Each structure stands twice: as structure tokens, then as C-alpha cells.
Amino acid sequence: MERITIIIAEDNLAYAEGLRSVLQQYRKVKVIGIAQNGKILMKMLADTRPDIVLMDIQMPEMDGIEATRRMQELYPEVKVIALTILSAPKAIIYALRAGAWGYINKNSEGKGLISAIMSVHAGMRTFCPTTTNRVAHLMVNSELKLFNELIYFNEIEMQIIRLTCKEYHYKEIQQALFISSATYHRHIKAIKTKMNVRDKTGIALYSMNYGLIEDWVIGG
């Protein structure tokens, strides 16, 4: 039987190496690489197609949510399992909306992780018990609204949103992000359209209501 190939996307190299050591104990899987951020991962995928990527959400340069979204556009055959310590409802929703097939807590034991890998490889979505409980909670209370209304914002849009909420002037945002005036105005128009708001106050209120300015979303 062919082994399931894995790339670990994780900025904590010590954790990634430890995870590789754990997975190497199982004959059914083979770790073929480690990427310390989303940009490195995308470069690796241009040359190598693993069966599954174990994706951390919080990574520098390009976070796991953005990397997952881009993978679904370019390499939809590669499945993603979000592997994270985050259990906030919005984190789960963003990962699933981006295209993740599973959502597993980093504290999961090796056997549980292997079971998740096998399930996703077989085409089944999988969650650790903690995530299953969170998803069930979302489905039976008012937070279901998040599933129906949450819109995904790409990396540059999130950077603009964050700086806008910090009351940066639009010229300061352009300088901070090294973008032109035309690029800024194109993105801010897209942000307002997605949020259905008219001004900076609307952007700030929407961002607070939907948790867009939390650290895990910014991916810093």
C-alpha cells in the first residue's frame, strides 16, 4: 500500500520536527517536507504534490487561512487539515470556508492525528472532539449567523482592515503596505462591498462584530 504523503506547514520548527518524528512511527504516512510559512509552502507545492498538508493557522508572511484558500484555487487535489491550538468559532469557520477538510487540535495524540489523516485521505471531513463540540454549538445557537454571513477577506484586505481600525490615514496605509493609491482604492472598495458598509466607521464596526481584528485572523 502506498503511504500517504504529508507536508507540515508550521512556523515553529521544533514543533514541526517533533510532529514529523511522531508521524514517522506510522507506516501509513510519510512526511516529505516542512514549510515554515504559507509562502514557502506554495513554492514547495509548485514542485511537489503531497496528499495532505497539516496546516498551522498562525504563521508569518502568509497565514494558514490564506495558504489554504490559495491551495484550493491552484491545487484542489491536495487536502488540508488545520492543525492548531485555536478553538474560537471564527477560527474554525474561516478554516472551513477556506477549504480545510479537517480541524485538529495540536494537543491531539498521534493515533488521533493518524485517524484524522486516514479519514481525510478517504474523502471524509474530520474534527477533534473539541472542534466537534464547537461546531455543534454553532449549529444550535445564534452563532449560526456566522456560518451564513461570514465573508472571507484575503491577506492584503486583512492588512488594510487592521490598519484602518487602528485609524491610519489612507496614505499611511499605502506607505506601510508598499502599495499604490490605485491598489489601495481597489481593495478598500472591495472591502466595503463585502461588508456592505460606506465608510471607515462601518469597517470598524463590522470588524469588531465579526472578530476580524483578532490576532489569529491577522496572522502576524
N, C-alpha and C. Protein backbone atom coordinates (compact mmCIF):
# COMPACT_ATOMS: atom_id res chain seq x y z
N MET A 1 0.83 -1.20 0.00
CA MET A 1 0.00 0.00 0.00
C MET A 1 0.87 1.25 0.00
N GLU A 2 0.54 2.20 -0.88
CA GLU A 2 1.30 3.44 -0.92
C GLU A 2 1.05 4.26 0.33
N ARG A 3 2.10 4.89 0.80
CA ARG A 3 1.99 5.70 2.01
C ARG A 3 1.37 7.06 1.67
N ILE A 4 0.64 7.62 2.60
CA ILE A 4 0.03 8.94 2.43
C ILE A 4 1.12 9.98 2.65
N THR A 5 1.34 10.83 1.66
CA THR A 5 2.40 11.82 1.76
C THR A 5 1.89 13.10 2.43
N ILE A 6 2.76 13.67 3.27
CA ILE A 6 2.37 14.80 4.12
C ILE A 6 3.41 15.91 4.02
N ILE A 7 2.94 17.16 3.94
CA ILE A 7 3.79 18.32 4.19
C ILE A 7 3.25 19.01 5.44
N ILE A 8 4.14 19.35 6.35
CA ILE A 8 3.77 20.07 7.57
C ILE A 8 4.05 21.55 7.36
N ALA A 9 3.02 22.38 7.47
CA ALA A 9 3.18 23.84 7.37
C ALA A 9 3.08 24.40 8.79
N GLU A 10 4.22 24.79 9.34
CA GLU A 10 4.29 25.17 10.75
C GLU A 10 5.51 26.06 10.97
N ASP A 11 5.31 27.24 11.56
CA ASP A 11 6.44 28.16 11.74
C ASP A 11 7.32 27.79 12.93
N ASN A 12 6.79 27.00 13.87
CA ASN A 12 7.59 26.54 15.00
C ASN A 12 8.34 25.28 14.57
N LEU A 13 9.61 25.45 14.20
CA LEU A 13 10.37 24.33 13.63
C LEU A 13 10.53 23.19 14.62
N ALA A 14 10.71 23.51 15.90
CA ALA A 14 10.86 22.46 16.91
C ALA A 14 9.60 21.60 16.98
N TYR A 15 8.43 22.26 16.94
CA TYR A 15 7.17 21.51 16.96
C TYR A 15 7.03 20.68 15.69
N ALA A 16 7.36 21.28 14.55
CA ALA A 16 7.23 20.57 13.27
C ALA A 16 8.11 19.32 13.23
N GLU A 17 9.34 19.45 13.72
CA GLU A 17 10.25 18.30 13.73
C GLU A 17 9.75 17.23 14.70
N GLY A 18 9.19 17.67 15.83
CA GLY A 18 8.63 16.72 16.78
C GLY A 18 7.45 15.98 16.18
N LEU A 19 6.62 16.72 15.44
CA LEU A 19 5.46 16.10 14.78
C LEU A 19 5.92 15.12 13.72
N ARG A 20 6.96 15.48 12.98
CA ARG A 20 7.49 14.56 11.97
C ARG A 20 7.96 13.25 12.64
N SER A 21 8.62 13.38 13.78
CA SER A 21 9.11 12.19 14.49
C SER A 21 7.95 11.30 14.93
N VAL A 22 6.86 11.92 15.37
CA VAL A 22 5.68 11.15 15.78
C VAL A 22 5.09 10.42 14.58
N LEU A 23 4.93 11.13 13.47
CA LEU A 23 4.30 10.53 12.29
C LEU A 23 5.16 9.44 11.67
N GLN A 24 6.47 9.56 11.81
CA GLN A 24 7.37 8.55 11.23
C GLN A 24 7.23 7.19 11.90
N GLN A 25 6.56 7.16 13.04
CA GLN A 25 6.34 5.89 13.73
C GLN A 25 5.24 5.06 13.06
N TYR A 26 4.52 5.69 12.14
CA TYR A 26 3.39 5.02 11.49
C TYR A 26 3.73 4.75 10.02
N ARG A 27 3.59 3.52 9.61
CA ARG A 27 3.96 3.11 8.25
C ARG A 27 3.03 3.67 7.18
N LYS A 28 1.85 4.08 7.58
CA LYS A 28 0.85 4.50 6.59
C LYS A 28 1.10 5.91 6.04
N VAL A 29 1.95 6.69 6.71
CA VAL A 29 2.18 8.06 6.27
C VAL A 29 3.67 8.33 6.09
N LYS A 30 3.96 9.35 5.28
CA LYS A 30 5.35 9.75 5.04
C LYS A 30 5.41 11.27 4.95
N VAL A 31 6.18 11.90 5.83
CA VAL A 31 6.36 13.35 5.79
C VAL A 31 7.44 13.67 4.76
N ILE A 32 7.08 14.45 3.75
CA ILE A 32 8.03 14.74 2.67
C ILE A 32 8.56 16.17 2.72
N GLY A 33 8.11 16.96 3.72
CA GLY A 33 8.64 18.31 3.80
C GLY A 33 8.02 19.11 4.92
N ILE A 34 8.72 20.19 5.29
CA ILE A 34 8.23 21.14 6.29
C ILE A 34 8.34 22.53 5.71
N ALA A 35 7.26 23.31 5.80
CA ALA A 35 7.25 24.70 5.34
C ALA A 35 6.96 25.59 6.54
N GLN A 36 7.77 26.62 6.75
CA GLN A 36 7.63 27.46 7.94
C GLN A 36 6.70 28.65 7.75
N ASN A 37 6.14 28.80 6.57
CA ASN A 37 5.06 29.78 6.36
C ASN A 37 4.36 29.46 5.05
N GLY A 38 3.27 30.18 4.79
CA GLY A 38 2.47 29.89 3.61
C GLY A 38 3.19 30.12 2.30
N LYS A 39 4.05 31.14 2.26
CA LYS A 39 4.77 31.42 1.02
C LYS A 39 5.72 30.29 0.66
N ILE A 40 6.43 29.79 1.67
CA ILE A 40 7.34 28.66 1.42
C ILE A 40 6.53 27.44 0.98
N LEU A 41 5.39 27.23 1.61
CA LEU A 41 4.53 26.10 1.24
C LEU A 41 4.12 26.18 -0.22
N MET A 42 3.69 27.36 -0.68
CA MET A 42 3.24 27.49 -2.06
C MET A 42 4.38 27.21 -3.04
N LYS A 43 5.59 27.60 -2.69
CA LYS A 43 6.75 27.30 -3.54
C LYS A 43 7.00 25.80 -3.59
N MET A 44 6.85 25.13 -2.45
CA MET A 44 7.05 23.68 -2.41
C MET A 44 6.00 22.96 -3.25
N LEU A 45 4.76 23.44 -3.19
CA LEU A 45 3.68 22.79 -3.92
C LEU A 45 3.82 22.94 -5.43
N ALA A 46 4.58 23.94 -5.86
CA ALA A 46 4.81 24.10 -7.29
C ALA A 46 5.61 22.93 -7.86
N ASP A 47 6.37 22.26 -6.98
CA ASP A 47 7.21 21.14 -7.42
C ASP A 47 6.74 19.79 -6.89
N THR A 48 6.06 19.81 -5.75
CA THR A 48 5.68 18.56 -5.08
C THR A 48 4.22 18.59 -4.67
N ARG A 49 3.49 17.52 -4.93
CA ARG A 49 2.08 17.44 -4.54
C ARG A 49 1.90 16.35 -3.48
N PRO A 50 1.82 16.75 -2.22
CA PRO A 50 1.53 15.75 -1.19
C PRO A 50 0.05 15.39 -1.24
N ASP A 51 -0.31 14.35 -0.52
CA ASP A 51 -1.73 14.03 -0.40
C ASP A 51 -2.43 14.99 0.55
N ILE A 52 -1.72 15.36 1.62
CA ILE A 52 -2.31 16.18 2.68
C ILE A 52 -1.29 17.19 3.20
N VAL A 53 -1.77 18.38 3.52
CA VAL A 53 -0.96 19.37 4.23
C VAL A 53 -1.54 19.55 5.63
N LEU A 54 -0.70 19.39 6.64
CA LEU A 54 -1.08 19.71 8.01
C LEU A 54 -0.75 21.18 8.22
N MET A 55 -1.78 22.00 8.34
CA MET A 55 -1.62 23.45 8.23
C MET A 55 -1.85 24.18 9.56
N ASP A 56 -0.79 24.84 10.03
CA ASP A 56 -0.97 25.74 11.16
C ASP A 56 -1.69 26.99 10.66
N ILE A 57 -2.50 27.61 11.50
CA ILE A 57 -3.22 28.81 11.09
C ILE A 57 -2.38 30.06 11.28
N GLN A 58 -1.68 30.15 12.40
CA GLN A 58 -0.90 31.34 12.71
C GLN A 58 0.53 31.17 12.22
N MET A 59 0.83 31.79 11.08
CA MET A 59 2.19 31.76 10.53
C MET A 59 2.53 33.14 9.97
N PRO A 60 3.81 33.52 9.97
CA PRO A 60 4.20 34.82 9.42
C PRO A 60 4.16 34.82 7.89
N GLU A 61 4.17 36.01 7.33
CA GLU A 61 4.24 36.26 5.87
C GLU A 61 2.98 35.84 5.13
N MET A 62 2.57 34.59 5.27
CA MET A 62 1.27 34.16 4.74
C MET A 62 0.69 33.16 5.73
N ASP A 63 -0.46 33.49 6.32
CA ASP A 63 -1.03 32.60 7.34
C ASP A 63 -1.68 31.38 6.71
N GLY A 64 -2.09 30.45 7.57
CA GLY A 64 -2.64 29.19 7.10
C GLY A 64 -3.98 29.32 6.40
N ILE A 65 -4.77 30.32 6.78
CA ILE A 65 -6.06 30.53 6.12
C ILE A 65 -5.86 30.96 4.68
N GLU A 66 -4.99 31.94 4.48
CA GLU A 66 -4.72 32.42 3.12
C GLU A 66 -4.07 31.32 2.28
N ALA A 67 -3.14 30.58 2.88
CA ALA A 67 -2.47 29.49 2.15
C ALA A 67 -3.48 28.42 1.74
N THR A 68 -4.41 28.10 2.63
CA THR A 68 -5.44 27.11 2.30
C THR A 68 -6.31 27.58 1.15
N ARG A 69 -6.70 28.85 1.20
CA ARG A 69 -7.54 29.40 0.13
C ARG A 69 -6.82 29.32 -1.22
N ARG A 70 -5.54 29.69 -1.24
CA ARG A 70 -4.78 29.65 -2.50
C ARG A 70 -4.59 28.22 -2.98
N MET A 71 -4.39 27.30 -2.05
CA MET A 71 -4.25 25.90 -2.43
C MET A 71 -5.51 25.38 -3.12
N GLN A 72 -6.66 25.77 -2.61
CA GLN A 72 -7.91 25.30 -3.21
C GLN A 72 -8.09 25.83 -4.62
N GLU A 73 -7.51 27.00 -4.89
CA GLU A 73 -7.59 27.57 -6.23
C GLU A 73 -6.61 26.89 -7.18
N LEU A 74 -5.40 26.59 -6.68
CA LEU A 74 -4.33 26.09 -7.54
C LEU A 74 -4.15 24.58 -7.49
N TYR A 75 -4.32 23.99 -6.32
CA TYR A 75 -4.07 22.56 -6.14
C TYR A 75 -5.22 21.92 -5.35
N PRO A 76 -6.41 21.91 -5.91
CA PRO A 76 -7.58 21.40 -5.16
C PRO A 76 -7.49 19.93 -4.80
N GLU A 77 -6.59 19.20 -5.46
CA GLU A 77 -6.46 17.77 -5.15
C GLU A 77 -5.72 17.52 -3.84
N VAL A 78 -5.01 18.54 -3.35
CA VAL A 78 -4.28 18.41 -2.08
C VAL A 78 -5.21 18.83 -0.94
N LYS A 79 -5.44 17.94 -0.01
CA LYS A 79 -6.35 18.23 1.10
C LYS A 79 -5.60 18.86 2.27
N VAL A 80 -6.31 19.71 3.00
CA VAL A 80 -5.73 20.43 4.13
C VAL A 80 -6.41 20.02 5.43
N ILE A 81 -5.59 19.76 6.44
CA ILE A 81 -6.09 19.59 7.80
C ILE A 81 -5.50 20.73 8.62
N ALA A 82 -6.36 21.58 9.17
CA ALA A 82 -5.88 22.65 10.05
C ALA A 82 -5.43 22.03 11.36
N LEU A 83 -4.19 22.30 11.74
CA LEU A 83 -3.62 21.75 12.96
C LEU A 83 -3.21 22.93 13.83
N THR A 84 -3.97 23.21 14.89
CA THR A 84 -3.81 24.47 15.59
C THR A 84 -4.23 24.35 17.05
N ILE A 85 -3.84 25.34 17.84
CA ILE A 85 -4.30 25.41 19.23
C ILE A 85 -5.57 26.24 19.34
N LEU A 86 -5.98 26.88 18.25
CA LEU A 86 -7.13 27.78 18.28
C LEU A 86 -8.44 27.01 18.24
N SER A 87 -9.37 27.40 19.11
CA SER A 87 -10.68 26.75 19.11
C SER A 87 -11.82 27.77 19.03
N ALA A 88 -11.48 29.04 18.78
CA ALA A 88 -12.51 30.07 18.65
C ALA A 88 -13.40 29.75 17.46
N PRO A 89 -14.71 29.99 17.58
CA PRO A 89 -15.63 29.68 16.47
C PRO A 89 -15.21 30.30 15.15
N LYS A 90 -14.75 31.55 15.20
CA LYS A 90 -14.40 32.23 13.95
C LYS A 90 -13.19 31.58 13.29
N ALA A 91 -12.26 31.07 14.09
CA ALA A 91 -11.09 30.39 13.53
C ALA A 91 -11.52 29.13 12.78
N ILE A 92 -12.43 28.38 13.39
CA ILE A 92 -12.94 27.16 12.76
C ILE A 92 -13.65 27.48 11.46
N ILE A 93 -14.51 28.49 11.51
CA ILE A 93 -15.30 28.86 10.33
C ILE A 93 -14.40 29.32 9.19
N TYR A 94 -13.41 30.16 9.50
CA TYR A 94 -12.52 30.65 8.45
C TYR A 94 -11.75 29.50 7.81
N ALA A 95 -11.28 28.56 8.62
CA ALA A 95 -10.53 27.43 8.06
C ALA A 95 -11.41 26.59 7.14
N LEU A 96 -12.64 26.33 7.57
CA LEU A 96 -13.55 25.52 6.75
C LEU A 96 -13.96 26.26 5.49
N ARG A 97 -14.22 27.55 5.62
CA ARG A 97 -14.59 28.34 4.45
C ARG A 97 -13.44 28.41 3.44
N ALA A 98 -12.20 28.42 3.95
CA ALA A 98 -11.04 28.49 3.05
C ALA A 98 -10.83 27.18 2.31
N GLY A 99 -11.36 26.07 2.86
CA GLY A 99 -11.26 24.80 2.16
C GLY A 99 -10.66 23.66 2.96
N ALA A 100 -10.44 23.85 4.26
CA ALA A 100 -9.86 22.77 5.07
C ALA A 100 -10.83 21.60 5.18
N TRP A 101 -10.28 20.38 5.14
CA TRP A 101 -11.08 19.16 5.27
C TRP A 101 -11.19 18.71 6.71
N GLY A 102 -10.29 19.19 7.54
CA GLY A 102 -10.31 18.79 8.94
C GLY A 102 -9.79 19.90 9.82
N TYR A 103 -10.07 19.80 11.11
CA TYR A 103 -9.63 20.82 12.07
C TYR A 103 -9.27 20.08 13.35
N ILE A 104 -7.97 20.00 13.63
CA ILE A 104 -7.46 19.18 14.72
C ILE A 104 -6.64 20.02 15.69
N ASN A 105 -6.84 19.79 16.97
CA ASN A 105 -6.07 20.50 17.99
C ASN A 105 -4.65 19.94 18.05
N LYS A 106 -3.68 20.82 18.25
CA LYS A 106 -2.28 20.40 18.30
C LYS A 106 -1.99 19.45 19.46
N ASN A 107 -2.86 19.44 20.45
CA ASN A 107 -2.66 18.57 21.60
C ASN A 107 -3.16 17.15 21.35
N SER A 108 -3.70 16.89 20.17
CA SER A 108 -4.21 15.56 19.86
C SER A 108 -3.08 14.53 19.87
N GLU A 109 -3.37 13.32 20.32
CA GLU A 109 -2.37 12.26 20.35
C GLU A 109 -2.09 11.75 18.94
N GLY A 110 -0.96 11.07 18.80
CA GLY A 110 -0.55 10.57 17.50
C GLY A 110 -1.59 9.71 16.82
N LYS A 111 -2.22 8.80 17.57
CA LYS A 111 -3.23 7.91 16.99
C LYS A 111 -4.42 8.70 16.47
N GLY A 112 -4.81 9.73 17.22
CA GLY A 112 -5.93 10.56 16.78
C GLY A 112 -5.61 11.31 15.51
N LEU A 113 -4.38 11.81 15.41
CA LEU A 113 -3.97 12.53 14.22
C LEU A 113 -3.89 11.59 13.02
N ILE A 114 -3.36 10.40 13.22
CA ILE A 114 -3.29 9.42 12.14
C ILE A 114 -4.70 9.06 11.66
N SER A 115 -5.61 8.89 12.61
CA SER A 115 -7.00 8.59 12.25
C SER A 115 -7.60 9.71 11.41
N ALA A 116 -7.30 10.97 11.78
CA ALA A 116 -7.80 12.11 11.03
C ALA A 116 -7.21 12.13 9.62
N ILE A 117 -5.92 11.85 9.51
CA ILE A 117 -5.26 11.82 8.21
C ILE A 117 -5.88 10.75 7.31
N MET A 118 -6.11 9.57 7.87
CA MET A 118 -6.70 8.48 7.10
C MET A 118 -8.12 8.84 6.64
N SER A 119 -8.88 9.47 7.52
CA SER A 119 -10.26 9.84 7.17
C SER A 119 -10.29 10.86 6.05
N VAL A 120 -9.47 11.90 6.18
CA VAL A 120 -9.44 12.95 5.16
C VAL A 120 -8.94 12.39 3.83
N HIS A 121 -7.94 11.53 3.89
CA HIS A 121 -7.43 10.91 2.66
C HIS A 121 -8.51 10.09 1.97
N ALA A 122 -9.43 9.53 2.76
CA ALA A 122 -10.53 8.73 2.20
C ALA A 122 -11.70 9.59 1.76
N GLY A 123 -11.56 10.92 1.91
CA GLY A 123 -12.60 11.82 1.45
C GLY A 123 -13.63 12.21 2.49
N MET A 124 -13.31 11.99 3.76
CA MET A 124 -14.24 12.32 4.84
C MET A 124 -13.70 13.49 5.66
N ARG A 125 -14.56 14.41 5.99
CA ARG A 125 -14.15 15.53 6.84
C ARG A 125 -14.03 15.04 8.29
N THR A 126 -13.09 15.64 9.02
CA THR A 126 -12.85 15.15 10.37
C THR A 126 -12.50 16.29 11.32
N PHE A 127 -12.90 16.13 12.58
CA PHE A 127 -12.63 17.13 13.60
C PHE A 127 -12.23 16.41 14.89
N CYS A 128 -11.41 17.08 15.69
CA CYS A 128 -11.12 16.54 17.01
C CYS A 128 -12.34 16.77 17.90
N PRO A 129 -12.46 16.08 19.03
CA PRO A 129 -13.65 16.23 19.88
C PRO A 129 -13.95 17.67 20.27
N THR A 130 -12.91 18.44 20.59
CA THR A 130 -13.13 19.83 20.98
C THR A 130 -13.78 20.62 19.86
N THR A 131 -13.27 20.43 18.64
CA THR A 131 -13.82 21.15 17.50
C THR A 131 -15.23 20.68 17.18
N THR A 132 -15.47 19.38 17.29
CA THR A 132 -16.81 18.85 17.05
C THR A 132 -17.82 19.51 17.97
N ASN A 133 -17.44 19.67 19.23
CA ASN A 133 -18.34 20.32 20.19
C ASN A 133 -18.58 21.78 19.82
N ARG A 134 -17.53 22.47 19.37
CA ARG A 134 -17.67 23.87 19.00
C ARG A 134 -18.58 24.02 17.78
N VAL A 135 -18.39 23.15 16.78
CA VAL A 135 -19.22 23.21 15.58
C VAL A 135 -20.68 22.92 15.92
N ALA A 136 -20.90 21.92 16.78
CA ALA A 136 -22.26 21.60 17.20
C ALA A 136 -22.90 22.79 17.92
N HIS A 137 -22.11 23.46 18.74
CA HIS A 137 -22.61 24.63 19.46
C HIS A 137 -23.02 25.72 18.48
N LEU A 138 -22.20 25.92 17.46
CA LEU A 138 -22.51 26.94 16.45
C LEU A 138 -23.81 26.62 15.72
N MET A 139 -24.04 25.34 15.49
CA MET A 139 -25.19 24.93 14.69
C MET A 139 -26.52 25.06 15.43
N VAL A 140 -26.48 25.17 16.76
CA VAL A 140 -27.74 25.17 17.50
C VAL A 140 -28.02 26.47 18.24
N ASN A 141 -27.18 27.49 18.03
CA ASN A 141 -27.48 28.76 18.68
C ASN A 141 -27.32 29.91 17.70
N SER A 142 -27.37 31.11 18.21
CA SER A 142 -27.39 32.30 17.36
C SER A 142 -26.12 32.48 16.55
N GLU A 143 -25.03 31.81 16.94
CA GLU A 143 -23.79 31.98 16.21
C GLU A 143 -23.85 31.33 14.83
N LEU A 144 -24.94 30.61 14.55
CA LEU A 144 -25.13 30.06 13.20
C LEU A 144 -25.07 31.17 12.16
N LYS A 145 -25.44 32.38 12.56
CA LYS A 145 -25.38 33.52 11.66
C LYS A 145 -23.99 33.67 11.05
N LEU A 146 -22.95 33.32 11.82
CA LEU A 146 -21.59 33.43 11.31
C LEU A 146 -21.37 32.53 10.11
N PHE A 147 -21.94 31.32 10.14
CA PHE A 147 -21.79 30.40 9.01
C PHE A 147 -22.42 30.98 7.76
N ASN A 148 -23.55 31.65 7.93
CA ASN A 148 -24.30 32.13 6.78
C ASN A 148 -23.77 33.44 6.22
N GLU A 149 -23.21 34.29 7.10
CA GLU A 149 -22.89 35.64 6.67
C GLU A 149 -21.40 35.96 6.62
N LEU A 150 -20.55 35.12 7.20
CA LEU A 150 -19.13 35.45 7.27
C LEU A 150 -18.51 35.47 5.88
N ILE A 151 -17.83 36.55 5.57
CA ILE A 151 -17.18 36.72 4.28
C ILE A 151 -15.68 36.58 4.45
N TYR A 152 -15.03 35.96 3.48
CA TYR A 152 -13.58 35.81 3.57
C TYR A 152 -12.87 37.02 2.97
N PHE A 153 -11.86 37.52 3.68
CA PHE A 153 -11.03 38.62 3.21
C PHE A 153 -9.62 38.09 3.00
N ASN A 154 -9.03 38.44 1.85
CA ASN A 154 -7.69 37.94 1.57
C ASN A 154 -6.64 38.68 2.40
N GLU A 155 -5.39 38.29 2.22
CA GLU A 155 -4.32 38.78 3.08
C GLU A 155 -4.16 40.30 3.02
N ILE A 156 -4.13 40.88 1.83
CA ILE A 156 -3.94 42.33 1.70
C ILE A 156 -5.16 43.07 2.24
N GLU A 157 -6.35 42.53 2.03
CA GLU A 157 -7.56 43.15 2.58
C GLU A 157 -7.52 43.16 4.10
N MET A 158 -7.06 42.05 4.70
CA MET A 158 -6.98 42.00 6.16
C MET A 158 -5.98 43.01 6.69
N GLN A 159 -4.88 43.21 5.99
CA GLN A 159 -3.90 44.20 6.42
C GLN A 159 -4.48 45.61 6.37
N ILE A 160 -5.23 45.90 5.32
CA ILE A 160 -5.87 47.21 5.20
C ILE A 160 -6.92 47.39 6.29
N ILE A 161 -7.70 46.35 6.55
CA ILE A 161 -8.72 46.41 7.60
C ILE A 161 -8.07 46.68 8.95
N ARG A 162 -7.01 45.97 9.25
CA ARG A 162 -6.34 46.14 10.54
C ARG A 162 -5.85 47.57 10.72
N LEU A 163 -5.19 48.10 9.70
CA LEU A 163 -4.65 49.46 9.81
C LEU A 163 -5.76 50.51 9.82
N THR A 164 -6.82 50.24 9.08
CA THR A 164 -7.97 51.16 9.10
C THR A 164 -8.57 51.22 10.50
N CYS A 165 -8.68 50.07 11.15
CA CYS A 165 -9.24 50.03 12.51
C CYS A 165 -8.31 50.68 13.52
N LYS A 166 -7.04 50.79 13.18
CA LYS A 166 -6.08 51.49 14.04
C LYS A 166 -6.03 52.98 13.71
N GLU A 167 -6.95 53.42 12.85
CA GLU A 167 -7.11 54.83 12.49
C GLU A 167 -5.94 55.38 11.69
N TYR A 168 -5.30 54.53 10.89
CA TYR A 168 -4.28 55.00 9.96
C TYR A 168 -4.95 55.80 8.84
N HIS A 169 -4.30 56.87 8.40
CA HIS A 169 -4.75 57.60 7.22
C HIS A 169 -4.46 56.74 5.99
N TYR A 170 -5.25 56.92 4.93
CA TYR A 170 -5.08 56.04 3.78
C TYR A 170 -3.69 56.15 3.17
N LYS A 171 -3.07 57.33 3.24
CA LYS A 171 -1.70 57.46 2.73
C LYS A 171 -0.70 56.70 3.59
N GLU A 172 -0.97 56.66 4.90
CA GLU A 172 -0.10 55.89 5.80
C GLU A 172 -0.23 54.40 5.52
N ILE A 173 -1.44 53.97 5.18
CA ILE A 173 -1.65 52.56 4.85
C ILE A 173 -0.89 52.20 3.58
N GLN A 174 -0.95 53.07 2.59
CA GLN A 174 -0.22 52.83 1.34
C GLN A 174 1.27 52.69 1.60
N GLN A 175 1.80 53.57 2.44
CA GLN A 175 3.23 53.53 2.75
C GLN A 175 3.59 52.28 3.55
N ALA A 176 2.75 51.94 4.51
CA ALA A 176 3.03 50.78 5.37
C ALA A 176 3.01 49.47 4.58
N LEU A 177 2.13 49.39 3.58
CA LEU A 177 1.97 48.15 2.82
C LEU A 177 2.69 48.18 1.47
N PHE A 178 3.32 49.32 1.17
CA PHE A 178 4.05 49.47 -0.10
C PHE A 178 3.14 49.23 -1.31
N ILE A 179 1.97 49.87 -1.27
CA ILE A 179 1.03 49.73 -2.37
C ILE A 179 0.70 51.10 -2.94
N SER A 180 0.28 51.13 -4.20
CA SER A 180 -0.06 52.38 -4.86
C SER A 180 -1.43 52.86 -4.41
N SER A 181 -1.73 54.11 -4.75
CA SER A 181 -3.04 54.67 -4.44
C SER A 181 -4.14 53.89 -5.14
N ALA A 182 -3.90 53.52 -6.40
CA ALA A 182 -4.90 52.76 -7.16
C ALA A 182 -5.17 51.40 -6.52
N THR A 183 -4.09 50.75 -6.07
CA THR A 183 -4.24 49.44 -5.43
C THR A 183 -5.03 49.56 -4.13
N TYR A 184 -4.69 50.58 -3.35
CA TYR A 184 -5.41 50.79 -2.09
C TYR A 184 -6.90 51.00 -2.34
N HIS A 185 -7.22 51.90 -3.27
CA HIS A 185 -8.63 52.22 -3.51
C HIS A 185 -9.39 51.02 -4.09
N ARG A 186 -8.71 50.19 -4.87
CA ARG A 186 -9.36 48.99 -5.39
C ARG A 186 -9.73 48.04 -4.25
N HIS A 187 -8.79 47.86 -3.32
CA HIS A 187 -9.04 46.94 -2.21
C HIS A 187 -10.05 47.50 -1.21
N ILE A 188 -9.97 48.80 -0.92
CA ILE A 188 -10.90 49.37 0.05
C ILE A 188 -12.32 49.33 -0.50
N LYS A 189 -12.46 49.48 -1.82
CA LYS A 189 -13.78 49.37 -2.44
C LYS A 189 -14.31 47.94 -2.30
N ALA A 190 -13.43 46.96 -2.51
CA ALA A 190 -13.83 45.56 -2.38
C ALA A 190 -14.23 45.24 -0.94
N ILE A 191 -13.48 45.79 0.01
CA ILE A 191 -13.78 45.57 1.43
C ILE A 191 -15.15 46.13 1.78
N LYS A 192 -15.43 47.35 1.36
CA LYS A 192 -16.72 47.98 1.66
C LYS A 192 -17.86 47.21 1.01
N THR A 193 -17.62 46.72 -0.19
CA THR A 193 -18.66 45.95 -0.88
C THR A 193 -18.96 44.65 -0.14
N LYS A 194 -17.91 43.94 0.28
CA LYS A 194 -18.10 42.68 1.01
C LYS A 194 -18.81 42.92 2.34
N MET A 195 -18.44 44.00 3.01
CA MET A 195 -19.04 44.30 4.32
C MET A 195 -20.40 44.97 4.20
N ASN A 196 -20.67 45.53 3.02
CA ASN A 196 -21.89 46.31 2.80
C ASN A 196 -21.92 47.53 3.73
N VAL A 197 -20.79 48.24 3.77
CA VAL A 197 -20.68 49.46 4.58
C VAL A 197 -20.22 50.61 3.69
N ARG A 198 -20.28 51.84 4.23
CA ARG A 198 -19.99 53.01 3.41
C ARG A 198 -18.70 53.72 3.79
N ASP A 199 -18.22 53.53 5.04
CA ASP A 199 -17.08 54.33 5.48
C ASP A 199 -16.23 53.57 6.49
N LYS A 200 -15.22 54.27 7.05
CA LYS A 200 -14.30 53.65 8.00
C LYS A 200 -15.00 53.21 9.27
N THR A 201 -15.98 53.98 9.70
CA THR A 201 -16.73 53.60 10.89
C THR A 201 -17.44 52.27 10.68
N GLY A 202 -18.02 52.12 9.50
CA GLY A 202 -18.68 50.86 9.17
C GLY A 202 -17.70 49.69 9.14
N ILE A 203 -16.51 49.94 8.60
CA ILE A 203 -15.47 48.90 8.57
C ILE A 203 -15.10 48.48 9.99
N ALA A 204 -14.91 49.47 10.87
CA ALA A 204 -14.53 49.19 12.26
C ALA A 204 -15.61 48.40 12.98
N LEU A 205 -16.87 48.80 12.81
CA LEU A 205 -17.97 48.12 13.48
C LEU A 205 -18.12 46.68 12.99
N TYR A 206 -18.04 46.50 11.68
CA TYR A 206 -18.13 45.15 11.11
C TYR A 206 -16.99 44.28 11.64
N SER A 207 -15.79 44.86 11.67
CA SER A 207 -14.61 44.11 12.10
C SER A 207 -14.73 43.66 13.55
N MET A 208 -15.28 44.52 14.40
CA MET A 208 -15.47 44.15 15.80
C MET A 208 -16.55 43.09 15.95
N ASN A 209 -17.64 43.24 15.20
CA ASN A 209 -18.74 42.28 15.29
C ASN A 209 -18.34 40.88 14.85
N TYR A 210 -17.46 40.80 13.85
CA TYR A 210 -17.08 39.51 13.30
C TYR A 210 -15.67 39.08 13.68
N GLY A 211 -15.05 39.81 14.60
CA GLY A 211 -13.74 39.39 15.12
C GLY A 211 -12.61 39.48 14.13
N LEU A 212 -12.71 40.35 13.13
CA LEU A 212 -11.67 40.40 12.10
C LEU A 212 -10.36 41.00 12.59
N ILE A 213 -10.37 41.68 13.70
CA ILE A 213 -9.13 42.31 14.17
C ILE A 213 -8.50 41.52 15.31
N GLU A 214 -8.92 40.27 15.48
CA GLU A 214 -8.25 39.40 16.43
C GLU A 214 -6.94 38.93 15.83
N ASP A 215 -5.95 38.63 16.68
CA ASP A 215 -4.61 38.28 16.22
C ASP A 215 -4.59 37.07 15.31
N TRP A 216 -5.46 36.06 15.60
CA TRP A 216 -5.40 34.83 14.81
C TRP A 216 -5.79 35.08 13.37
N VAL A 217 -6.67 36.08 13.12
CA VAL A 217 -7.08 36.38 11.75
C VAL A 217 -5.99 37.14 11.02
N ILE A 218 -5.35 38.08 11.73
CA ILE A 218 -4.30 38.88 11.11
C ILE A 218 -3.14 38.00 10.70
N GLY A 219 -2.88 36.96 11.48
CA GLY A 219 -1.84 36.00 11.10
C GLY A 219 -0.45 36.51 11.34
N GLY A 220 -0.27 37.55 12.17
CA GLY A 220 1.07 38.06 12.44
C GLY A 220 1.76 37.18 13.40
